[in-house]
Amino acid sequence: MAHEWRHQPFRALYITYLIAFTMFLYLPYCIVKYAPRSRRQRQSWTLRRCVTVAVFRHVVNKEQKVGYLLSFPTHEAIKEGPGVKALWINPTPDLMDKQLQRWATMSGVHPIRIPGYWMDKEGLDIPIGAPLQPGEKILYRLHGGAFTICSSHPHDYSALIPRDLLKNCPSFRRAFSVEYRLSVGPPYPARNPFPAALLDTLAGYSYLVNECHYRPSDIIIMGESAGGNLALGLTRYLLQHEHTLNDVPAPPAGLILSSPWVDFSTSHVTPGSSVFLNAESDFVGHLIGLENYSTFAFLGPHGKDGAETNMYISPASLHIEPTFRGFPRTFLIAGEAEVFLDQIKTLRNRMVRDMGEGSDSGQVTYYEAPDSIHSPISLPWHEPERSDVYQHIAEWMDML
């Protein structure tokens, strides 16, 4: 059972044990284990990188016993703070088709108002919803966190991603994010499974187009990990209903997907796959399979069938063959050393099949960061791979 040590005093005791074990036993063990280059997860990695990844993976795995060690702002309130620009985003029930309504009813969710946060490029102070400058693009960022952790708040540790995109891409002057609902599953009372987050990101996109009056051709959606899954789902919904439902906006000008989580099924869990080959060199191996906490919480009543056959949940599932015709230009990022590599390659192949490849005439640009782990732009210590990815994103943006 997930989070079995969540109650006090067992939680505090387990966390104390975890800290002591990690610092005094596991850390020295990793230093000794990876000191010989021949035993390292990747031959190019330094000893420090090897130990950092191993300890990070160890802590993430153990966290599954006590619940998440960090707390995050949620959709229930706007968290004020220095420099925080926030507002409430209205729900958009009128944008739901019958299928989305059925999924929502099945999951016991409905459209609600959620917080939205703005972030400006360093040195700027732009009013919320101000008109675009010539050549400006709006970054609509969807955070990762396995649908169960992290936040869109500008002070969340994951906010370094939109901050660095603003810094590295001249056409971005500000970023917008919605505090979409996080999924919760057993042993807690279940809430906010699919499609809650999709409803919230749809409301955020509608706000940008219908209230701020930004053209879809000036919006770039960026998502990392679970956020990449959301970016694809939102774009698919916009494409399917652009001309069939009133007030549904057109799709965006482009997508930036960093290590998107695109197969919740076990279709890529096969002998010799990246799930096994990269198990020691990545930190999200706990997300593989249907029984881990995050997958179970997000799928909710949709379960195994949803993981295998719903193109909004698993667009790279080998049990289905969704089309990507009509999708906007996409910059797709993967880490060569991550466990999601094979499912991301399946996504790439499907997008290239339907959209074309290459920076000149194709719609899909794929960048595989050598010897890099899951979502290389997410970790400030993951250099030089992290900076290399941002450079490639900036070059791609210049061609839009």
Protein backbone atom coordinates (compact mmCIF):
# COMPACT_ATOMS: atom_id res chain seq x y z
CA MET A 1 0.00 0.00 0.00
CA ALA A 2 1.26 3.49 -0.86
CA HIS A 3 2.04 5.95 1.93
CA GLU A 4 1.59 3.29 4.62
CA TRP A 5 3.74 5.27 7.08
CA ARG A 6 1.81 8.53 6.63
CA HIS A 7 0.43 8.71 10.17
CA GLN A 8 2.31 10.18 13.12
CA PRO A 9 4.42 9.27 14.99
CA PHE A 10 5.41 6.64 12.40
CA ARG A 11 5.89 9.26 9.67
CA ALA A 12 8.35 11.30 11.74
CA LEU A 13 10.21 8.18 12.80
CA TYR A 14 10.46 6.89 9.24
CA ILE A 15 11.67 10.24 7.92
CA THR A 16 14.31 10.36 10.67
CA TYR A 17 15.39 6.85 9.72
CA LEU A 18 15.42 7.77 6.02
CA ILE A 19 17.66 10.79 6.59
CA ALA A 20 20.07 8.88 8.81
CA PHE A 21 20.20 5.85 6.52
CA THR A 22 20.72 7.99 3.43
CA MET A 23 23.43 10.19 4.91
CA PHE A 24 25.45 7.62 6.81
CA LEU A 25 24.96 4.40 4.87
CA TYR A 26 23.47 4.85 1.39
CA LEU A 27 25.53 7.91 0.41
CA PRO A 28 28.90 6.31 1.32
CA TYR A 29 27.77 3.10 -0.37
CA CYS A 30 27.06 4.98 -3.61
CA ILE A 31 30.42 6.74 -3.49
CA VAL A 32 32.22 3.43 -3.21
CA LYS A 33 30.00 1.70 -5.77
CA TYR A 34 30.42 4.31 -8.48
CA ALA A 35 34.02 5.28 -7.85
CA PRO A 36 35.24 2.94 -10.61
CA ARG A 37 34.11 4.42 -13.92
CA SER A 38 33.27 0.95 -15.22
CA ARG A 39 30.46 0.65 -12.65
CA ARG A 40 28.80 3.99 -13.30
CA GLN A 41 25.29 4.32 -14.72
CA ARG A 42 26.77 6.22 -17.67
CA GLN A 43 30.43 6.19 -18.62
CA SER A 44 30.38 9.93 -19.32
CA TRP A 45 29.02 10.81 -15.88
CA THR A 46 31.16 12.20 -13.10
CA LEU A 47 31.14 10.47 -9.73
CA ARG A 48 29.16 13.38 -8.35
CA ARG A 49 26.46 13.00 -11.02
CA CYS A 50 26.23 9.26 -10.37
CA VAL A 51 25.83 9.69 -6.63
CA THR A 52 23.35 12.57 -7.00
CA VAL A 53 21.06 10.60 -9.30
CA ALA A 54 21.26 7.47 -7.13
CA VAL A 55 20.45 9.33 -3.91
CA PHE A 56 17.67 11.30 -5.60
CA ARG A 57 16.12 8.08 -6.92
CA HIS A 58 16.47 6.45 -3.49
CA VAL A 59 14.68 9.31 -1.70
CA VAL A 60 11.89 9.46 -4.32
CA ASN A 61 11.30 5.72 -3.96
CA LYS A 62 11.23 5.84 -0.16
CA GLU A 63 8.91 8.83 -0.26
CA GLN A 64 6.22 6.46 -1.50
CA LYS A 65 5.97 5.08 2.04
CA VAL A 66 5.37 8.30 3.97
CA GLY A 67 3.71 10.60 1.47
CA TYR A 68 5.28 13.60 -0.17
CA LEU A 69 7.94 15.36 1.89
CA LEU A 70 7.17 18.81 0.46
CA SER A 71 3.90 20.70 0.41
CA PHE A 72 2.66 22.74 -2.54
CA PRO A 73 0.14 25.49 -3.23
CA THR A 74 -3.09 24.03 -4.61
CA HIS A 75 -6.08 25.04 -6.68
CA GLU A 76 -8.06 25.86 -3.55
CA ALA A 77 -6.48 29.27 -2.91
CA ILE A 78 -4.23 31.88 -4.46
CA LYS A 79 -0.97 32.00 -2.58
CA GLU A 80 0.11 35.62 -2.41
CA GLY A 81 3.74 36.67 -2.10
CA PRO A 82 6.34 39.17 -3.27
CA GLY A 83 6.04 39.71 -7.00
CA VAL A 84 3.16 37.24 -7.37
CA LYS A 85 0.67 38.16 -10.11
CA ALA A 86 -2.42 36.02 -9.82
CA LEU A 87 -6.12 35.91 -10.61
CA TRP A 88 -9.00 33.47 -10.58
CA ILE A 89 -9.74 31.70 -13.87
CA ASN A 90 -13.42 31.01 -14.53
CA PRO A 91 -14.58 27.49 -15.41
CA THR A 92 -15.68 26.74 -18.97
CA PRO A 93 -18.44 24.11 -18.86
CA ASP A 94 -19.74 25.35 -22.22
CA LEU A 95 -16.56 24.05 -23.88
CA MET A 96 -17.19 20.43 -22.89
CA ASP A 97 -18.31 17.96 -25.52
CA LYS A 98 -20.41 14.92 -24.65
CA GLN A 99 -17.42 12.61 -24.33
CA LEU A 100 -15.61 14.95 -21.93
CA GLN A 101 -18.82 15.31 -19.95
CA ARG A 102 -19.09 11.51 -19.68
CA TRP A 103 -15.50 11.20 -18.49
CA ALA A 104 -16.03 13.98 -15.95
CA THR A 105 -19.24 12.39 -14.65
CA MET A 106 -17.51 9.03 -14.40
CA SER A 107 -14.73 10.62 -12.33
CA GLY A 108 -16.99 12.82 -10.22
CA VAL A 109 -15.33 16.05 -11.35
CA HIS A 110 -16.68 19.21 -12.94
CA PRO A 111 -15.30 22.55 -14.12
CA ILE A 112 -14.35 24.88 -11.26
CA ARG A 113 -12.53 28.18 -10.92
CA ILE A 114 -8.78 27.84 -10.42
CA PRO A 115 -5.85 30.19 -9.76
CA GLY A 116 -3.77 31.45 -12.65
CA TYR A 117 -0.26 32.87 -12.23
CA TRP A 118 1.71 35.25 -14.44
CA MET A 119 5.50 35.52 -14.56
CA ASP A 120 7.45 38.29 -16.31
CA LYS A 121 10.89 38.24 -17.85
CA GLU A 122 13.44 39.53 -15.35
CA GLY A 123 13.43 43.33 -15.21
CA LEU A 124 9.91 43.70 -16.59
CA ASP A 125 6.66 44.48 -14.79
CA ILE A 126 3.83 43.84 -17.24
CA PRO A 127 0.19 44.29 -16.19
CA ILE A 128 -1.89 41.12 -16.19
CA GLY A 129 -3.46 40.54 -19.59
CA ALA A 130 -1.66 43.45 -21.27
CA PRO A 131 -1.61 43.38 -25.11
CA LEU A 132 1.31 41.69 -26.84
CA GLN A 133 4.23 43.61 -28.21
CA PRO A 134 5.21 43.07 -31.87
CA GLY A 135 6.87 39.68 -32.25
CA GLU A 136 5.94 38.59 -28.71
CA LYS A 137 4.77 35.06 -27.95
CA ILE A 138 2.92 33.98 -24.81
CA LEU A 139 4.28 30.95 -22.96
CA TYR A 140 1.46 28.82 -21.56
CA ARG A 141 3.30 26.50 -19.21
CA LEU A 142 1.87 23.29 -17.71
CA HIS A 143 3.93 21.96 -14.83
CA GLY A 144 4.98 18.37 -14.28
CA GLY A 145 4.89 16.30 -11.11
CA ALA A 146 3.12 13.05 -12.06
CA PHE A 147 -0.26 14.80 -11.69
CA THR A 148 0.11 14.53 -7.91
CA ILE A 149 2.78 17.07 -6.87
CA CYS A 150 4.30 20.45 -7.80
CA SER A 151 2.62 23.76 -8.51
CA SER A 152 2.32 26.56 -11.04
CA HIS A 153 3.14 29.12 -8.36
CA PRO A 154 6.07 31.41 -9.32
CA HIS A 155 7.85 30.48 -6.07
CA ASP A 156 7.59 26.71 -6.60
CA TYR A 157 10.95 25.07 -7.24
CA SER A 158 9.76 23.95 -10.68
CA ALA A 159 9.21 27.60 -11.68
CA LEU A 160 12.85 27.66 -12.76
CA ILE A 161 11.62 26.15 -16.06
CA PRO A 162 9.42 29.05 -17.23
CA ARG A 163 11.92 31.48 -15.72
CA ASP A 164 14.73 30.01 -17.81
CA LEU A 165 12.58 29.90 -20.94
CA LEU A 166 11.84 33.61 -20.48
CA LYS A 167 15.56 34.21 -20.08
CA ASN A 168 16.67 32.17 -23.09
CA CYS A 169 13.95 32.94 -25.65
CA PRO A 170 13.72 36.63 -26.71
CA SER A 171 10.18 36.29 -28.07
CA PHE A 172 8.89 35.31 -24.61
CA ARG A 173 8.30 38.28 -22.27
CA ARG A 174 5.93 36.53 -19.87
CA ALA A 175 4.56 33.13 -18.96
CA PHE A 176 1.12 32.08 -17.77
CA SER A 177 0.25 28.96 -15.78
CA VAL A 178 -2.87 27.52 -14.19
CA GLU A 179 -2.94 25.76 -10.84
CA TYR A 180 -4.66 22.68 -12.19
CA ARG A 181 -6.11 20.19 -9.76
CA LEU A 182 -3.74 17.51 -8.48
CA SER A 183 -4.97 13.94 -8.31
CA VAL A 184 -5.30 12.16 -4.98
CA GLY A 185 -5.77 8.43 -4.56
CA PRO A 186 -5.93 5.69 -1.95
CA PRO A 187 -5.19 5.50 0.95
CA TYR A 188 -6.67 9.02 0.95
CA PRO A 189 -10.18 9.85 -0.24
CA ALA A 190 -9.88 9.84 -4.04
CA ARG A 191 -10.35 13.14 -5.86
CA ASN A 192 -9.45 14.96 -9.07
CA PRO A 193 -8.64 12.05 -11.41
CA PHE A 194 -8.65 12.46 -15.19
CA PRO A 195 -10.07 14.66 -16.73
CA ALA A 196 -9.91 17.28 -13.93
CA ALA A 197 -6.52 18.65 -15.02
CA LEU A 198 -7.63 18.74 -18.67
CA LEU A 199 -10.70 20.79 -17.74
CA ASP A 200 -8.49 23.25 -15.87
CA THR A 201 -5.93 23.67 -18.65
CA LEU A 202 -8.77 24.15 -21.14
CA ALA A 203 -10.10 26.97 -18.95
CA GLY A 204 -6.64 28.55 -18.83
CA TYR A 205 -6.28 28.46 -22.60
CA SER A 206 -9.76 29.91 -23.05
CA TYR A 207 -8.80 32.74 -20.69
CA LEU A 208 -5.79 33.63 -22.82
CA VAL A 209 -7.78 33.63 -26.07
CA ASN A 210 -11.27 34.73 -25.08
CA GLU A 211 -10.52 37.12 -22.21
CA CYS A 212 -7.00 38.41 -22.92
CA HIS A 213 -7.75 38.29 -26.66
CA TYR A 214 -4.40 36.76 -27.61
CA ARG A 215 -4.31 35.02 -30.95
CA PRO A 216 -3.72 31.25 -30.77
CA SER A 217 -0.94 31.83 -33.32
CA ASP A 218 0.90 33.78 -30.60
CA ILE A 219 0.62 31.08 -27.90
CA ILE A 220 3.21 28.36 -27.25
CA ILE A 221 2.22 25.60 -24.85
CA MET A 222 5.06 24.07 -22.87
CA GLY A 223 4.79 21.07 -20.59
CA GLU A 224 7.27 18.83 -18.85
CA SER A 225 6.53 15.20 -17.90
CA ALA A 226 2.86 15.10 -16.83
CA GLY A 227 2.54 18.66 -18.16
CA GLY A 228 3.63 17.38 -21.58
CA ASN A 229 0.80 14.86 -21.44
CA LEU A 230 -1.61 17.70 -20.66
CA ALA A 231 -0.25 19.85 -23.49
CA LEU A 232 -0.92 17.06 -25.98
CA GLY A 233 -4.39 16.36 -24.58
CA LEU A 234 -5.38 20.02 -24.65
CA THR A 235 -4.12 20.46 -28.21
CA ARG A 236 -5.96 17.34 -29.36
CA TYR A 237 -9.19 18.62 -27.83
CA LEU A 238 -8.82 22.03 -29.45
CA LEU A 239 -8.19 20.44 -32.84
CA GLN A 240 -11.16 18.11 -32.57
CA HIS A 241 -13.60 20.84 -31.63
CA GLU A 242 -12.29 24.03 -33.21
CA HIS A 243 -15.15 24.03 -35.73
CA THR A 244 -17.77 21.97 -33.89
CA LEU A 245 -18.23 23.74 -30.54
CA ASN A 246 -18.87 27.44 -30.13
CA ASP A 247 -16.08 29.46 -28.47
CA VAL A 248 -13.53 26.62 -28.60
CA PRO A 249 -10.30 28.40 -29.60
CA ALA A 250 -7.98 27.32 -32.37
CA PRO A 251 -4.90 25.29 -31.37
CA PRO A 252 -1.66 27.07 -30.42
CA ALA A 253 1.27 27.97 -32.66
CA GLY A 254 3.56 25.37 -31.15
CA LEU A 255 4.31 22.83 -28.44
CA ILE A 256 7.44 22.35 -26.33
CA LEU A 257 7.35 18.91 -24.68
CA SER A 258 10.06 17.94 -22.22
CA SER A 259 10.06 14.20 -21.47
CA PRO A 260 6.28 13.91 -21.74
CA TRP A 261 4.67 11.03 -19.84
CA VAL A 262 2.64 9.56 -22.69
CA ASP A 263 1.99 5.90 -21.86
CA PHE A 264 0.33 4.99 -18.57
CA SER A 265 -0.10 1.40 -19.69
CA THR A 266 2.57 -1.29 -19.60
CA SER A 267 2.84 -1.53 -23.39
CA HIS A 268 6.46 -0.31 -23.32
CA VAL A 269 7.47 -2.49 -20.36
CA THR A 270 9.22 -5.20 -22.36
CA PRO A 271 12.57 -6.98 -22.01
CA GLY A 272 15.40 -4.80 -23.24
CA SER A 273 13.32 -1.61 -23.15
CA SER A 274 14.41 1.71 -21.64
CA VAL A 275 12.29 0.87 -18.61
CA PHE A 276 14.91 -1.71 -17.65
CA LEU A 277 18.03 -0.44 -19.42
CA ASN A 278 17.74 3.00 -17.78
CA ALA A 279 16.30 1.95 -14.44
CA GLU A 280 19.50 2.85 -12.58
CA SER A 281 20.20 6.07 -14.47
CA ASP A 282 16.84 7.77 -13.90
CA PHE A 283 14.66 8.72 -10.94
CA VAL A 284 11.08 8.16 -12.16
CA GLY A 285 11.10 4.38 -12.39
CA HIS A 286 8.51 4.29 -9.60
CA LEU A 287 5.95 5.60 -12.12
CA ILE A 288 6.13 2.52 -14.33
CA GLY A 289 3.12 0.22 -14.18
CA LEU A 290 -0.47 0.64 -13.04
CA GLU A 291 -0.10 0.12 -9.30
CA ASN A 292 2.04 3.10 -8.29
CA TYR A 293 0.35 5.89 -6.35
CA SER A 294 0.46 8.62 -9.01
CA THR A 295 -0.83 6.45 -11.85
CA PHE A 296 -3.59 5.00 -9.71
CA ALA A 297 -4.65 8.45 -8.48
CA PHE A 298 -4.70 10.00 -11.95
CA LEU A 299 -6.51 7.14 -13.70
CA GLY A 300 -9.17 6.82 -11.01
CA PRO A 301 -12.20 4.94 -12.34
CA HIS A 302 -10.75 4.87 -15.89
CA GLY A 303 -8.22 2.27 -14.73
CA LYS A 304 -6.38 -0.15 -16.98
CA ASP A 305 -8.69 0.37 -19.96
CA GLY A 306 -8.13 4.13 -19.85
CA ALA A 307 -4.38 3.65 -19.61
CA GLU A 308 -4.33 1.38 -22.64
CA THR A 309 -6.94 2.83 -24.99
CA ASN A 310 -7.68 6.49 -24.16
CA MET A 311 -5.63 8.69 -26.51
CA TYR A 312 -5.91 11.62 -24.10
CA ILE A 313 -4.31 9.57 -21.31
CA SER A 314 -1.80 7.46 -23.25
CA PRO A 315 -1.20 8.87 -26.75
CA ALA A 316 1.86 6.62 -27.11
CA SER A 317 0.18 3.40 -25.95
CA LEU A 318 0.95 0.54 -28.29
CA HIS A 319 -2.64 -0.67 -27.90
CA ILE A 320 -3.96 2.24 -30.01
CA GLU A 321 -2.94 4.25 -33.09
CA PRO A 322 -4.03 7.88 -32.59
CA THR A 323 -3.45 10.43 -35.32
CA PHE A 324 -1.51 13.67 -34.93
CA ARG A 325 -2.59 15.28 -38.18
CA GLY A 326 -3.14 18.98 -37.72
CA PHE A 327 -0.97 19.32 -34.61
CA PRO A 328 1.17 22.47 -34.48
CA ARG A 329 4.94 22.55 -34.76
CA THR A 330 6.44 20.63 -31.89
CA PHE A 331 9.80 20.56 -30.16
CA LEU A 332 10.07 17.19 -28.43
CA ILE A 333 12.77 16.55 -25.83
CA ALA A 334 13.91 13.25 -24.34
CA GLY A 335 16.81 12.13 -22.20
CA GLU A 336 18.89 9.28 -23.55
CA ALA A 337 19.17 7.82 -20.04
CA GLU A 338 15.51 8.08 -18.97
CA VAL A 339 13.04 5.27 -18.44
CA PHE A 340 10.37 7.00 -20.58
CA LEU A 341 12.67 7.06 -23.63
CA ASP A 342 10.91 4.30 -25.59
CA GLN A 343 7.42 5.73 -25.13
CA ILE A 344 8.69 9.17 -26.14
CA LYS A 345 10.23 7.65 -29.28
CA THR A 346 6.88 6.06 -30.08
CA LEU A 347 5.27 9.48 -29.74
CA ARG A 348 7.95 10.97 -31.98
CA ASN A 349 7.45 8.32 -34.64
CA ARG A 350 3.70 8.86 -34.67
CA MET A 351 4.00 12.63 -34.85
CA VAL A 352 6.62 12.46 -37.61
CA ARG A 353 4.41 10.02 -39.54
CA ASP A 354 1.51 12.48 -39.50
CA MET A 355 3.30 15.84 -39.38
CA GLY A 356 6.76 15.52 -40.92
CA GLU A 357 10.19 15.95 -39.34
CA GLY A 358 13.01 18.46 -39.48
CA SER A 359 13.61 22.09 -38.70
CA ASP A 360 13.29 23.26 -42.32
CA SER A 361 9.97 21.96 -43.59
CA GLY A 362 8.81 19.39 -41.03
CA GLN A 363 6.60 20.03 -38.06
CA VAL A 364 8.41 17.85 -35.51
CA THR A 365 11.85 18.61 -34.10
CA TYR A 366 13.21 15.90 -31.82
CA TYR A 367 16.14 16.42 -29.49
CA GLU A 368 17.53 13.56 -27.43
CA ALA A 369 19.89 14.90 -24.78
CA PRO A 370 22.90 12.54 -24.62
CA ASP A 371 23.24 10.63 -21.34
CA SER A 372 20.52 12.79 -19.81
CA ILE A 373 17.83 11.78 -17.35
CA HIS A 374 14.12 12.59 -17.25
CA SER A 375 13.25 16.17 -18.25
CA PRO A 376 16.81 17.55 -18.26
CA ILE A 377 15.58 21.16 -18.03
CA SER A 378 13.99 20.47 -14.64
CA LEU A 379 17.15 20.04 -12.57
CA PRO A 380 19.54 22.97 -12.07
CA TRP A 381 22.49 20.65 -11.36
CA HIS A 382 22.02 18.72 -14.61
CA GLU A 383 24.65 20.57 -16.61
CA PRO A 384 25.73 21.01 -19.37
CA GLU A 385 22.77 19.02 -20.74
CA ARG A 386 20.25 21.46 -19.29
CA SER A 387 21.80 24.53 -20.90
CA ASP A 388 22.21 22.66 -24.20
CA VAL A 389 18.48 21.90 -24.29
CA TYR A 390 17.57 25.54 -23.65
CA GLN A 391 19.87 26.59 -26.48
CA HIS A 392 18.10 24.22 -28.88
CA ILE A 393 14.69 25.46 -27.73
CA ALA A 394 15.77 29.07 -28.34
CA GLU A 395 16.96 28.20 -31.86
CA TRP A 396 13.67 26.44 -32.57
CA MET A 397 11.71 29.44 -31.30
CA ASP A 398 13.66 31.73 -33.65
CA MET A 399 12.30 29.74 -36.60
CA LEU A 400 8.62 29.98 -35.64
